[in-house]
Amino acid sequence: MKKTFFIVWIVIIITFFIISFVEYNSYVKITNNFTNNIISEVVKNYPDVTEEEIIDIINSTDNETSDILTSFGIDINSMGVLKSINDNFYHNLISNSIVVLVISIVIFLLIYFHDKKEKRELEEIINYLKELNRGNYDLKIDLNSEGELSILKNEIYKTTVMLREMASREYKDKIALKNNLANISHQLKTPLTSISILLDNLCDEEVDKKTELEFLEDIKRQVDNINYLVIVLLKLSKFDANVINFKKDKINVKKLILECLKNLDVIREVKNINIHVSGANNTEFIGDYKWECEAISNIIKNAIEHTLNNKNIYISFKDKSIYTEIVIEDEGLGINEKELNKIFERFYKGSTNSNNFGIGLSLAKEIITKDNGKIRAKSEVNKGTKFIIRYYK
């Protein structure tokens, strides 16, 4: 803006000098022609009179000038024309000078107030940045101004929004970390306490061999639980840190489910649960095979753990136009509606889940979401639970 004002001012000054120069040349030309005509007329009639004398008479302001020129045969009215031309020239020169002066004053005043406004806006921006450095992201910035500073304000506003979002995420992450640490501490406390008690009992010399083996078996089971917890927590931490690069391969659903069932065959046989699988052999979706095997295994494992002995689990899959669907349905205890919305939360343990850590379903949801999938659950108490998984194309 300031640059524009200076350019306008310079253009006006140059224009003024050009106009003045043109008018001056015109004035000089007219007066010279007028003077030359008078000189030619006088010299023609009075050869003895020199040009210098005639010029002195014309430039004289005495009252005798009119009589002398009249005596030479010159019309005195023509002198009034010359005087009028002279007066008009100086009048125009003064008028133009005043106009240029006024415009110059206006331009410099505009520049002054513009600089003052810019200075005030810069001070506001500086104070705004100081507040941002103090961690105050709830400030509002005026975006209605125009000019170069408005670009800076817009960029600062974008940065502020980004910093506010980052601060909000960091705060949520800290709360989540705090809660997770509290949950992890609670989850580890129970098996460690059990191990400690069992070891104290083993130190008793009166413990018989059979009881000793039972205690050792319990200790092994608790160690396995801790090992499982640590492994899953490490996997979840990778998701939180966003350091996992998922592969994008074609996954055959039947092959995936059969491998998951193979890994869970031992715990299935213990409860004598029948698992029925149905679906087209060529059903596929795009995802990371290794991680999807982890997710589906966790869901099936959850179904086995909540299904009574000698009951059934049904797994079906089909390919639709916009997604591939996998349904895992058990004949378990079911989940009440109040708890159903919380089963995918980390460390959530429902009323029928006292022996587990409550992180398997949470990990499964994280994995499925990464592969552009959605998972939801339906359940009826004492009838069973159905998990519906959809991988969108």
Protein backbone atom coordinates (compact mmCIF):
# COMPACT_ATOMS: atom_id res chain seq x y z
CA MET A 1 0.00 0.00 0.00
CA LYS A 2 2.78 2.44 0.91
CA LYS A 3 4.57 1.63 -2.33
CA THR A 4 1.39 2.42 -4.28
CA PHE A 5 1.07 5.80 -2.56
CA PHE A 6 4.67 6.70 -3.45
CA ILE A 7 4.16 5.67 -7.07
CA VAL A 8 1.01 7.81 -7.31
CA TRP A 9 2.82 10.76 -5.75
CA ILE A 10 5.79 10.45 -8.12
CA VAL A 11 3.44 10.22 -11.12
CA ILE A 12 1.64 13.40 -9.98
CA ILE A 13 4.93 15.29 -9.53
CA ILE A 14 6.17 14.21 -12.96
CA THR A 15 2.82 15.16 -14.51
CA PHE A 16 2.99 18.56 -12.83
CA PHE A 17 6.44 19.29 -14.22
CA ILE A 18 5.45 18.13 -17.69
CA ILE A 19 2.33 20.36 -17.71
CA SER A 20 4.29 23.30 -16.33
CA PHE A 21 7.01 22.79 -18.91
CA VAL A 22 4.46 22.66 -21.75
CA GLU A 23 2.64 25.77 -20.49
CA TYR A 24 5.91 27.63 -20.04
CA ASN A 25 7.00 26.83 -23.61
CA SER A 26 3.61 27.92 -24.88
CA TYR A 27 3.84 31.14 -22.85
CA VAL A 28 7.37 31.88 -24.10
CA LYS A 29 6.38 31.22 -27.67
CA ILE A 30 3.35 33.52 -27.49
CA THR A 31 5.21 36.37 -25.78
CA ASN A 32 8.15 36.06 -28.19
CA ASN A 33 5.84 36.19 -31.20
CA PHE A 34 4.03 39.16 -29.74
CA THR A 35 7.27 41.00 -29.01
CA ASN A 36 8.73 40.18 -32.43
CA ASN A 37 5.60 41.52 -34.16
CA ILE A 38 5.86 44.80 -32.23
CA ILE A 39 9.59 45.09 -32.98
CA SER A 40 9.02 44.38 -36.69
CA GLU A 41 6.24 46.97 -36.85
CA VAL A 42 8.26 49.70 -35.08
CA VAL A 43 11.50 49.01 -36.97
CA LYS A 44 9.55 49.08 -40.23
CA ASN A 45 8.21 52.58 -39.53
CA TYR A 46 11.14 53.88 -37.43
CA PRO A 47 14.42 52.37 -38.65
CA ASP A 48 16.46 54.42 -36.20
CA VAL A 49 14.93 52.67 -33.16
CA THR A 50 16.88 49.63 -31.97
CA GLU A 51 15.37 46.31 -30.79
CA GLU A 52 16.80 46.78 -27.29
CA GLU A 53 15.01 50.14 -26.95
CA ILE A 54 11.69 48.64 -28.05
CA ILE A 55 12.02 45.72 -25.62
CA ASP A 56 12.81 48.12 -22.77
CA ILE A 57 9.70 50.17 -23.67
CA ILE A 58 7.51 47.00 -23.75
CA ASN A 59 8.85 45.80 -20.37
CA SER A 60 8.49 49.23 -18.79
CA THR A 61 5.66 49.75 -16.32
CA ASP A 62 5.58 53.57 -16.66
CA ASN A 63 2.49 55.40 -17.83
CA GLU A 64 4.55 56.90 -20.67
CA THR A 65 4.86 53.40 -22.26
CA SER A 66 1.39 53.59 -23.73
CA ASP A 67 2.05 57.04 -25.25
CA ILE A 68 5.36 55.92 -26.74
CA LEU A 69 3.89 52.77 -28.28
CA THR A 70 0.96 54.77 -29.60
CA SER A 71 3.35 57.24 -31.16
CA PHE A 72 5.02 54.29 -32.91
CA GLY A 73 1.64 53.26 -34.29
CA ILE A 74 1.12 50.24 -31.98
CA ASP A 75 -2.41 49.45 -30.69
CA ILE A 76 -2.23 49.81 -26.92
CA ASN A 77 -5.04 47.20 -26.42
CA SER A 78 -2.69 44.48 -27.62
CA MET A 79 -0.56 45.13 -24.54
CA GLY A 80 -3.54 44.12 -22.39
CA VAL A 81 -3.62 40.80 -24.20
CA LEU A 82 0.04 40.25 -23.39
CA LYS A 83 -0.56 41.13 -19.76
CA SER A 84 -3.53 38.73 -19.64
CA ILE A 85 -1.39 35.92 -21.09
CA ASN A 86 1.29 36.64 -18.52
CA ASP A 87 -1.22 36.72 -15.63
CA ASN A 88 -2.86 33.46 -16.76
CA PHE A 89 0.47 31.69 -16.92
CA TYR A 90 1.45 32.61 -13.37
CA HIS A 91 -2.06 31.94 -12.10
CA ASN A 92 -2.04 28.44 -13.59
CA LEU A 93 1.45 27.81 -12.24
CA ILE A 94 0.40 28.81 -8.71
CA SER A 95 -2.87 26.81 -8.94
CA ASN A 96 -1.09 23.69 -10.16
CA SER A 97 1.52 24.04 -7.44
CA ILE A 98 -1.18 24.32 -4.76
CA VAL A 99 -3.00 21.25 -6.13
CA VAL A 100 0.23 19.22 -6.15
CA LEU A 101 1.03 20.42 -2.64
CA VAL A 102 -2.43 19.45 -1.34
CA ILE A 103 -2.27 16.04 -3.02
CA SER A 104 1.24 15.50 -1.62
CA ILE A 105 0.03 16.36 1.88
CA VAL A 106 -2.95 13.99 1.53
CA ILE A 107 -0.71 11.17 0.27
CA PHE A 108 1.80 11.63 3.09
CA LEU A 109 -1.05 11.71 5.62
CA LEU A 110 -2.41 8.48 4.16
CA ILE A 111 1.05 6.93 4.36
CA TYR A 112 1.41 8.15 7.95
CA PHE A 113 -1.92 6.69 9.07
CA HIS A 114 -1.30 3.52 7.09
CA ASP A 115 2.09 3.07 8.79
CA LYS A 116 0.47 3.77 12.13
CA LYS A 117 -2.22 1.15 11.47
CA GLU A 118 0.39 -1.39 10.31
CA LYS A 119 2.47 -0.72 13.40
CA ARG A 120 -0.58 -1.27 15.61
CA GLU A 121 -1.42 -4.51 13.79
CA LEU A 122 2.18 -5.69 14.06
CA GLU A 123 2.12 -5.01 17.80
CA GLU A 124 -1.09 -7.05 18.04
CA ILE A 125 0.52 -9.90 16.11
CA ILE A 126 3.64 -9.76 18.30
CA ASN A 127 1.50 -9.86 21.47
CA TYR A 128 -0.52 -12.69 19.94
CA LEU A 129 2.67 -14.68 19.25
CA LYS A 130 3.88 -14.04 22.80
CA GLU A 131 0.64 -15.52 24.13
CA LEU A 132 1.08 -18.52 21.84
CA ASN A 133 4.59 -19.03 23.24
CA ARG A 134 3.04 -19.06 26.72
CA GLY A 135 0.74 -21.88 25.60
CA ASN A 136 -2.43 -19.81 25.30
CA TYR A 137 -4.16 -21.13 22.15
CA ASP A 138 -7.65 -19.80 22.87
CA LEU A 139 -6.97 -16.33 21.44
CA LYS A 140 -8.94 -14.91 18.53
CA ILE A 141 -7.32 -13.03 15.69
CA ASP A 142 -8.99 -10.43 13.45
CA LEU A 143 -9.05 -11.78 9.90
CA ASN A 144 -11.07 -8.91 8.37
CA SER A 145 -8.08 -6.70 7.59
CA GLU A 146 -6.69 -6.37 4.08
CA GLY A 147 -3.21 -6.14 2.62
CA GLU A 148 0.03 -7.99 3.20
CA LEU A 149 -0.54 -8.30 6.94
CA SER A 150 -3.80 -10.17 6.33
CA ILE A 151 -1.79 -12.96 4.67
CA LEU A 152 0.44 -13.13 7.74
CA LYS A 153 -2.61 -13.15 10.02
CA ASN A 154 -4.21 -15.96 8.05
CA GLU A 155 -1.04 -18.06 8.29
CA ILE A 156 -0.76 -17.36 12.01
CA TYR A 157 -4.41 -18.32 12.44
CA LYS A 158 -3.81 -21.62 10.62
CA THR A 159 -0.78 -22.25 12.83
CA THR A 160 -2.83 -21.42 15.92
CA VAL A 161 -5.56 -23.87 14.94
CA MET A 162 -2.93 -26.55 14.32
CA LEU A 163 -1.20 -25.86 17.65
CA ARG A 164 -4.54 -25.87 19.46
CA GLU A 165 -5.38 -29.25 17.95
CA MET A 166 -1.92 -30.58 18.80
CA ALA A 167 -2.23 -29.32 22.38
CA SER A 168 -5.66 -30.93 22.64
CA ARG A 169 -4.34 -34.23 21.29
CA GLU A 170 -1.34 -34.11 23.61
CA TYR A 171 -3.62 -33.49 26.57
CA LYS A 172 -5.87 -36.38 25.57
CA ASP A 173 -2.81 -38.57 25.01
CA LYS A 174 -1.51 -37.72 28.48
CA ILE A 175 -4.88 -38.58 30.03
CA ALA A 176 -5.01 -41.79 28.00
CA LEU A 177 -1.44 -42.66 29.01
CA LYS A 178 -2.26 -41.98 32.64
CA ASN A 179 -5.35 -44.19 32.46
CA ASN A 180 -3.49 -46.91 30.58
CA LEU A 181 -0.68 -46.94 33.14
CA ALA A 182 -3.23 -47.18 35.93
CA ASN A 183 -5.00 -50.02 34.13
CA ILE A 184 -1.73 -51.82 33.35
CA SER A 185 -0.69 -51.51 36.99
CA HIS A 186 -4.03 -52.93 38.07
CA GLN A 187 -3.89 -55.74 35.50
CA LEU A 188 -0.37 -56.77 36.56
CA LYS A 189 -1.10 -56.49 40.26
CA THR A 190 -3.50 -59.45 40.36
CA PRO A 191 -1.28 -62.10 38.69
CA LEU A 192 1.83 -60.86 40.49
CA THR A 193 0.04 -61.05 43.83
CA SER A 194 -1.11 -64.57 43.00
CA ILE A 195 2.44 -65.59 42.03
CA SER A 196 3.79 -64.09 45.25
CA ILE A 197 1.28 -66.01 47.39
CA LEU A 198 1.92 -69.25 45.52
CA LEU A 199 5.68 -68.87 45.92
CA ASP A 200 5.27 -68.26 49.64
CA ASN A 201 3.25 -71.47 49.87
CA LEU A 202 5.88 -73.37 47.91
CA CYS A 203 8.47 -72.28 50.44
CA ASP A 204 6.50 -74.13 53.10
CA GLU A 205 8.32 -77.41 53.73
CA GLU A 206 5.05 -79.23 54.53
CA VAL A 207 3.64 -78.82 50.99
CA ASP A 208 3.12 -82.23 49.38
CA LYS A 209 4.21 -83.05 45.84
CA LYS A 210 0.70 -82.92 44.37
CA THR A 211 -0.03 -79.49 45.84
CA GLU A 212 3.38 -78.28 44.74
CA LEU A 213 2.62 -79.26 41.14
CA GLU A 214 -0.74 -77.49 41.33
CA PHE A 215 0.95 -74.34 42.63
CA LEU A 216 3.55 -74.50 39.85
CA GLU A 217 0.81 -74.93 37.27
CA ASP A 218 -0.98 -71.86 38.66
CA ILE A 219 2.26 -69.87 38.57
CA LYS A 220 2.84 -70.91 34.93
CA ARG A 221 -0.70 -69.81 34.03
CA GLN A 222 -0.20 -66.42 35.70
CA VAL A 223 3.16 -65.95 33.94
CA ASP A 224 1.48 -66.79 30.62
CA ASN A 225 -1.17 -64.18 31.37
CA ILE A 226 1.47 -61.55 32.09
CA ASN A 227 3.36 -62.53 28.94
CA TYR A 228 0.15 -62.18 26.87
CA LEU A 229 -0.58 -58.81 28.45
CA VAL A 230 2.90 -57.46 27.70
CA ILE A 231 2.81 -58.67 24.08
CA VAL A 232 -0.60 -57.09 23.41
CA LEU A 233 0.39 -53.85 25.12
CA LEU A 234 3.49 -53.63 22.94
CA LYS A 235 1.34 -54.09 19.87
CA LEU A 236 -1.12 -51.43 21.02
CA SER A 237 1.74 -49.03 21.74
CA LYS A 238 2.85 -49.41 18.12
CA PHE A 239 -0.60 -48.40 16.98
CA ASP A 240 -0.57 -45.42 19.33
CA ALA A 241 2.81 -44.33 17.98
CA ASN A 242 1.58 -44.86 14.40
CA VAL A 243 4.75 -46.73 13.45
CA ILE A 244 3.11 -49.75 11.82
CA ASN A 245 3.07 -49.92 8.03
CA PHE A 246 0.21 -52.12 6.92
CA LYS A 247 0.63 -54.20 3.79
CA LYS A 248 -2.08 -54.06 1.13
CA ASP A 249 -2.43 -57.62 -0.13
CA LYS A 250 -5.36 -59.70 -1.29
CA ILE A 251 -6.49 -61.86 1.61
CA ASN A 252 -8.51 -65.02 1.04
CA VAL A 253 -11.09 -65.02 3.85
CA LYS A 254 -11.46 -68.79 4.15
CA LYS A 255 -7.71 -69.34 4.35
CA LEU A 256 -7.48 -66.58 6.98
CA ILE A 257 -10.23 -68.06 9.17
CA LEU A 258 -8.88 -71.61 8.94
CA GLU A 259 -5.43 -70.43 10.09
CA CYS A 260 -7.00 -68.54 13.00
CA LEU A 261 -8.95 -71.67 14.02
CA LYS A 262 -5.77 -73.74 13.84
CA ASN A 263 -4.11 -71.40 16.33
CA LEU A 264 -7.12 -71.68 18.67
CA ASP A 265 -7.73 -75.39 18.32
CA VAL A 266 -6.40 -76.26 21.79
CA ILE A 267 -8.74 -73.97 23.74
CA ARG A 268 -11.65 -75.00 21.45
CA GLU A 269 -11.09 -78.70 22.20
CA VAL A 270 -10.93 -78.10 25.94
CA LYS A 271 -14.53 -76.79 25.85
CA ASN A 272 -15.64 -79.17 23.08
CA ILE A 273 -17.01 -76.29 21.01
CA ASN A 274 -18.03 -76.89 17.40
CA ILE A 275 -17.13 -74.14 14.94
CA HIS A 276 -19.04 -74.01 11.66
CA VAL A 277 -17.53 -72.07 8.72
CA SER A 278 -19.47 -71.12 5.57
CA GLY A 279 -18.80 -68.86 2.60
CA ALA A 280 -17.53 -68.75 -0.97
CA ASN A 281 -13.95 -69.98 -1.40
CA ASN A 282 -12.97 -66.97 -3.53
CA THR A 283 -14.11 -64.29 -1.05
CA GLU A 284 -11.33 -61.73 -0.60
CA PHE A 285 -10.50 -58.29 0.77
CA ILE A 286 -7.44 -56.03 0.81
CA GLY A 287 -5.41 -55.86 4.02
CA ASP A 288 -2.41 -57.05 6.02
CA TYR A 289 -2.68 -60.83 6.42
CA LYS A 290 -0.56 -61.12 9.57
CA TRP A 291 -2.39 -58.39 11.48
CA GLU A 292 -5.83 -59.52 10.30
CA CYS A 293 -5.04 -63.01 11.55
CA GLU A 294 -4.34 -61.41 14.94
CA ALA A 295 -7.63 -59.48 14.87
CA ILE A 296 -9.88 -62.37 13.78
CA SER A 297 -8.13 -64.71 16.23
CA ASN A 298 -8.87 -62.35 19.11
CA ILE A 299 -12.56 -62.17 18.18
CA ILE A 300 -12.90 -65.95 17.80
CA LYS A 301 -10.97 -66.48 21.06
CA ASN A 302 -13.37 -64.08 22.78
CA ALA A 303 -16.30 -66.09 21.39
CA ILE A 304 -14.81 -69.40 22.61
CA GLU A 305 -14.17 -68.01 26.10
CA HIS A 306 -17.76 -66.78 26.45
CA THR A 307 -19.42 -69.89 24.98
CA LEU A 308 -20.46 -72.72 27.26
CA ASN A 309 -19.05 -76.20 26.79
CA ASN A 310 -20.46 -78.32 23.97
CA LYS A 311 -22.02 -75.30 22.25
CA ASN A 312 -21.52 -73.89 18.72
CA ILE A 313 -19.85 -70.92 17.02
CA TYR A 314 -20.86 -69.94 13.48
CA ILE A 315 -18.51 -68.07 11.13
CA SER A 316 -19.84 -66.91 7.77
CA PHE A 317 -18.43 -64.60 5.12
CA LYS A 318 -19.61 -63.12 1.81
CA ASP A 319 -18.53 -60.65 -0.81
CA LYS A 320 -20.78 -57.65 -1.56
CA SER A 321 -20.44 -54.79 -4.03
CA ILE A 322 -18.90 -52.27 -1.63
CA TYR A 323 -17.55 -54.45 1.18
CA THR A 324 -16.55 -57.94 2.29
CA GLU A 325 -18.39 -59.13 5.39
CA ILE A 326 -17.36 -61.62 8.07
CA VAL A 327 -19.86 -62.62 10.79
CA ILE A 328 -18.79 -64.47 13.95
CA GLU A 329 -21.71 -65.63 16.09
CA ASP A 330 -21.53 -67.61 19.32
CA GLU A 331 -24.01 -69.32 21.66
CA GLY A 332 -22.49 -67.75 24.71
CA LEU A 333 -23.72 -65.85 27.73
CA GLY A 334 -24.37 -62.67 25.75
CA ILE A 335 -23.72 -59.07 26.75
CA ASN A 336 -26.26 -56.65 28.15
CA GLU A 337 -26.99 -53.47 26.19
CA LYS A 338 -25.26 -51.20 28.72
CA GLU A 339 -21.94 -53.07 28.39
CA LEU A 340 -22.19 -53.69 24.63
CA ASN A 341 -21.04 -50.17 23.72
CA LYS A 342 -17.90 -50.54 25.87
CA ILE A 343 -16.51 -53.92 24.86
CA PHE A 344 -14.01 -52.38 22.39
CA GLU A 345 -12.56 -50.05 25.03
CA ARG A 346 -9.14 -50.90 26.40
CA PHE A 347 -9.08 -52.77 29.68
CA TYR A 348 -12.86 -52.87 29.87
CA LYS A 349 -13.93 -56.01 31.71
CA GLY A 350 -17.62 -56.81 31.63
CA SER A 351 -19.51 -58.74 34.22
CA THR A 352 -18.83 -62.01 32.35
CA ASN A 353 -15.16 -61.28 31.59
CA SER A 354 -13.49 -61.59 34.98
CA ASN A 355 -10.61 -63.79 33.80
CA ASN A 356 -9.37 -61.66 30.88
CA PHE A 357 -7.58 -58.34 30.52
CA GLY A 358 -10.10 -56.62 28.23
CA ILE A 359 -7.64 -55.66 25.50
CA GLY A 360 -8.10 -58.34 22.83
CA LEU A 361 -11.18 -56.76 21.26
CA SER A 362 -9.60 -53.32 21.49
CA LEU A 363 -6.57 -54.53 19.51
CA ALA A 364 -8.85 -56.26 16.99
CA LYS A 365 -10.76 -53.03 16.37
CA GLU A 366 -7.51 -51.07 15.90
CA ILE A 367 -6.32 -53.57 13.27
CA ILE A 368 -9.63 -53.75 11.39
CA THR A 369 -9.89 -49.96 11.30
CA LYS A 370 -6.38 -49.73 9.85
CA ASP A 371 -7.48 -51.94 6.95
CA ASN A 372 -10.45 -49.67 6.16
CA GLY A 373 -12.84 -51.88 8.08
CA LYS A 374 -15.61 -51.49 10.65
CA ILE A 375 -16.64 -53.82 13.46
CA ARG A 376 -19.82 -53.81 15.51
CA ALA A 377 -21.51 -56.22 17.88
CA LYS A 378 -25.05 -57.40 18.56
CA SER A 379 -25.95 -59.44 21.59
CA GLU A 380 -28.76 -60.94 23.65
CA VAL A 381 -28.20 -62.07 27.21
CA ASN A 382 -28.17 -65.90 27.53
CA LYS A 383 -28.49 -66.28 23.74
CA GLY A 384 -25.13 -65.19 22.39
CA THR A 385 -23.16 -62.44 20.65
CA LYS A 386 -22.68 -61.66 16.98
CA PHE A 387 -19.65 -59.71 15.65
CA ILE A 388 -20.14 -58.16 12.20
CA ILE A 389 -16.95 -57.09 10.40
CA ARG A 390 -16.98 -55.22 7.08
CA TYR A 391 -13.93 -54.39 4.99
CA TYR A 392 -14.78 -51.65 2.53
CA LYS A 393 -13.35 -51.68 -0.99
